[in-house]
C-alpha atoms as a PDB file:
ATOM      1  CA  THR A   1       0.000   0.000   0.000  1.00  0.00           C
ATOM      2  CA  ASP A   2       3.063   2.290   0.153  1.00  0.00           C
ATOM      3  CA  THR A   3       3.874   4.623  -2.714  1.00  0.00           C
ATOM      4  CA  ILE A   4       7.516   4.577  -3.878  1.00  0.00           C
ATOM      5  CA  THR A   5       8.929   7.394  -6.018  1.00  0.00           C
ATOM      6  CA  ALA A   6      12.185   6.593  -7.842  1.00  0.00           C
ATOM      7  CA  THR A   7      13.766   9.858  -8.932  1.00  0.00           C
ATOM      8  CA  GLY A   8      17.070   8.368 -10.111  1.00  0.00           C
ATOM      9  CA  GLN A   9      17.846   5.954 -12.922  1.00  0.00           C
ATOM     10  CA  PHE A  10      18.503   2.227 -12.661  1.00  0.00           C
ATOM     11  CA  ASP A  11      22.118   1.319 -13.383  1.00  0.00           C
ATOM     12  CA  SER A  12      21.530  -2.425 -13.106  1.00  0.00           C
ATOM     13  CA  ASP A  13      19.144  -5.114 -14.315  1.00  0.00           C
ATOM     14  CA  LEU A  14      15.724  -5.321 -12.688  1.00  0.00           C
ATOM     15  CA  VAL A  15      15.165  -9.060 -12.191  1.00  0.00           C
ATOM     16  CA  PRO A  16      12.330 -10.775 -10.251  1.00  0.00           C
ATOM     17  CA  SER A  17      13.255 -13.172  -7.431  1.00  0.00           C
ATOM     18  CA  THR A  18      11.611 -16.171  -9.187  1.00  0.00           C
ATOM     19  CA  ASP A  19      10.595 -16.990 -12.759  1.00  0.00           C
ATOM     20  CA  ASN A  20       7.005 -16.391 -13.892  1.00  0.00           C
ATOM     21  CA  ALA A  21       5.830 -15.188 -10.480  1.00  0.00           C
ATOM     22  CA  ARG A  22       5.645 -11.359 -10.667  1.00  0.00           C
ATOM     23  CA  ASP A  23       3.471  -8.904 -12.630  1.00  0.00           C
ATOM     24  CA  LEU A  24       4.232  -5.409 -13.857  1.00  0.00           C
ATOM     25  CA  GLY A  25       0.989  -3.472 -13.441  1.00  0.00           C
ATOM     26  CA  SER A  26      -2.505  -4.953 -13.156  1.00  0.00           C
ATOM     27  CA  SER A  27      -5.804  -4.969 -15.059  1.00  0.00           C
ATOM     28  CA  SER A  28      -6.917  -1.886 -13.108  1.00  0.00           C
ATOM     29  CA  LYS A  29      -3.543  -0.064 -12.912  1.00  0.00           C
ATOM     30  CA  GLU A  30      -1.724  -0.380 -16.237  1.00  0.00           C
ATOM     31  CA  TRP A  31       1.587   1.083 -17.367  1.00  0.00           C
ATOM     32  CA  LYS A  32       1.123   3.537 -20.237  1.00  0.00           C
ATOM     33  CA  ASP A  33       3.853   3.089 -22.893  1.00  0.00           C
ATOM     34  CA  LEU A  34       6.669   0.600 -23.358  1.00  0.00           C
ATOM     35  CA  HIS A  35       9.872   1.815 -24.978  1.00  0.00           C
ATOM     36  CA  LEU A  36      12.640  -0.672 -25.687  1.00  0.00           C
ATOM     37  CA  THR A  37      15.438  -1.425 -28.063  1.00  0.00           C
ATOM     38  CA  GLY A  38      16.218  -5.047 -28.709  1.00  0.00           C
ATOM     39  CA  VAL A  39      14.050  -8.129 -28.648  1.00  0.00           C
ATOM     40  CA  GLY A  40      10.878  -8.478 -26.581  1.00  0.00           C
ATOM     41  CA  TYR A  41      10.568 -12.100 -25.489  1.00  0.00           C
ATOM     42  CA  ILE A  42       6.833 -12.512 -24.857  1.00  0.00           C
ATOM     43  CA  ASP A  43       5.292 -15.923 -24.175  1.00  0.00           C
ATOM     44  CA  GLU A  44       1.782 -14.764 -25.104  1.00  0.00           C
ATOM     45  CA  LEU A  45       0.653 -11.460 -26.621  1.00  0.00           C
ATOM     46  CA  SER A  46      -2.858 -10.056 -26.428  1.00  0.00           C
ATOM     47  CA  ILE A  47      -3.679  -6.925 -28.434  1.00  0.00           C
ATOM     48  CA  ALA A  48      -6.622  -4.768 -27.379  1.00  0.00           C
ATOM     49  CA  THR A  49      -9.258  -4.449 -30.091  1.00  0.00           C
ATOM     50  CA  GLY A  50     -11.524  -1.842 -28.535  1.00  0.00           C
ATOM     51  CA  SER A  51     -12.448   1.443 -30.192  1.00  0.00           C
ATOM     52  CA  GLY A  52      -9.363   2.929 -31.808  1.00  0.00           C
ATOM     53  CA  GLN A  53      -7.115   0.052 -30.758  1.00  0.00           C
ATOM     54  CA  GLY A  54      -5.538  -2.823 -32.615  1.00  0.00           C
ATOM     55  CA  VAL A  55      -2.801  -3.285 -35.183  1.00  0.00           C
ATOM     56  CA  SER A  56      -2.334  -0.178 -37.310  1.00  0.00           C
ATOM     57  CA  SER A  57       0.608  -1.288 -39.428  1.00  0.00           C
ATOM     58  CA  SER A  58       1.594  -4.178 -41.679  1.00  0.00           C
ATOM     59  CA  LEU A  59       2.910  -7.469 -40.335  1.00  0.00           C
ATOM     60  CA  ILE A  60       5.994  -8.069 -42.468  1.00  0.00           C
ATOM     61  CA  PRO A  61       8.257 -11.121 -42.056  1.00  0.00           C
ATOM     62  CA  LYS A  62      11.988 -10.540 -41.644  1.00  0.00           C
ATOM     63  CA  THR A  63      12.764 -12.677 -44.731  1.00  0.00           C
ATOM     64  CA  ASN A  64      10.664 -14.356 -47.433  1.00  0.00           C
ATOM     65  CA  GLY A  65       9.147 -17.666 -46.362  1.00  0.00           C
ATOM     66  CA  ALA A  66      10.440 -17.308 -42.795  1.00  0.00           C
ATOM     67  CA  GLY A  67       7.151 -17.056 -40.905  1.00  0.00           C
ATOM     68  CA  SER A  68       3.676 -18.480 -40.737  1.00  0.00           C
ATOM     69  CA  LEU A  69       0.314 -17.118 -39.644  1.00  0.00           C
ATOM     70  CA  GLY A  70      -1.501 -19.688 -37.574  1.00  0.00           C
ATOM     71  CA  SER A  71      -0.968 -23.432 -37.529  1.00  0.00           C
ATOM     72  CA  ALA A  72      -2.794 -26.608 -38.493  1.00  0.00           C
ATOM     73  CA  THR A  73      -4.875 -26.365 -35.300  1.00  0.00           C
ATOM     74  CA  ARG A  74      -5.133 -22.547 -34.985  1.00  0.00           C
ATOM     75  CA  GLU A  75      -6.036 -20.929 -38.285  1.00  0.00           C
ATOM     76  CA  TRP A  76      -6.684 -17.295 -39.256  1.00  0.00           C
ATOM     77  CA  THR A  77      -9.857 -16.546 -41.175  1.00  0.00           C
ATOM     78  CA  ASN A  78     -10.250 -14.305 -44.231  1.00  0.00           C
ATOM     79  CA  LEU A  79      -6.638 -14.437 -45.383  1.00  0.00           C
END
């Protein structure tokens, strides 16, 4: 219930004490923007599709023939 204000900058990694046990934000208190350089390793990605939200750019593979959309058991419709 305490509020912590960090006015400095982190000069080290920020690592949880155990794997897959900590959240960053919650469904009622979300972080606003995420800025990063590098690779985002995300086990599962959910994109909001409410009014004005969703994917607003093309999904382009890094090289020809290098990626698939869906699988034999999870197919996209209207491709």
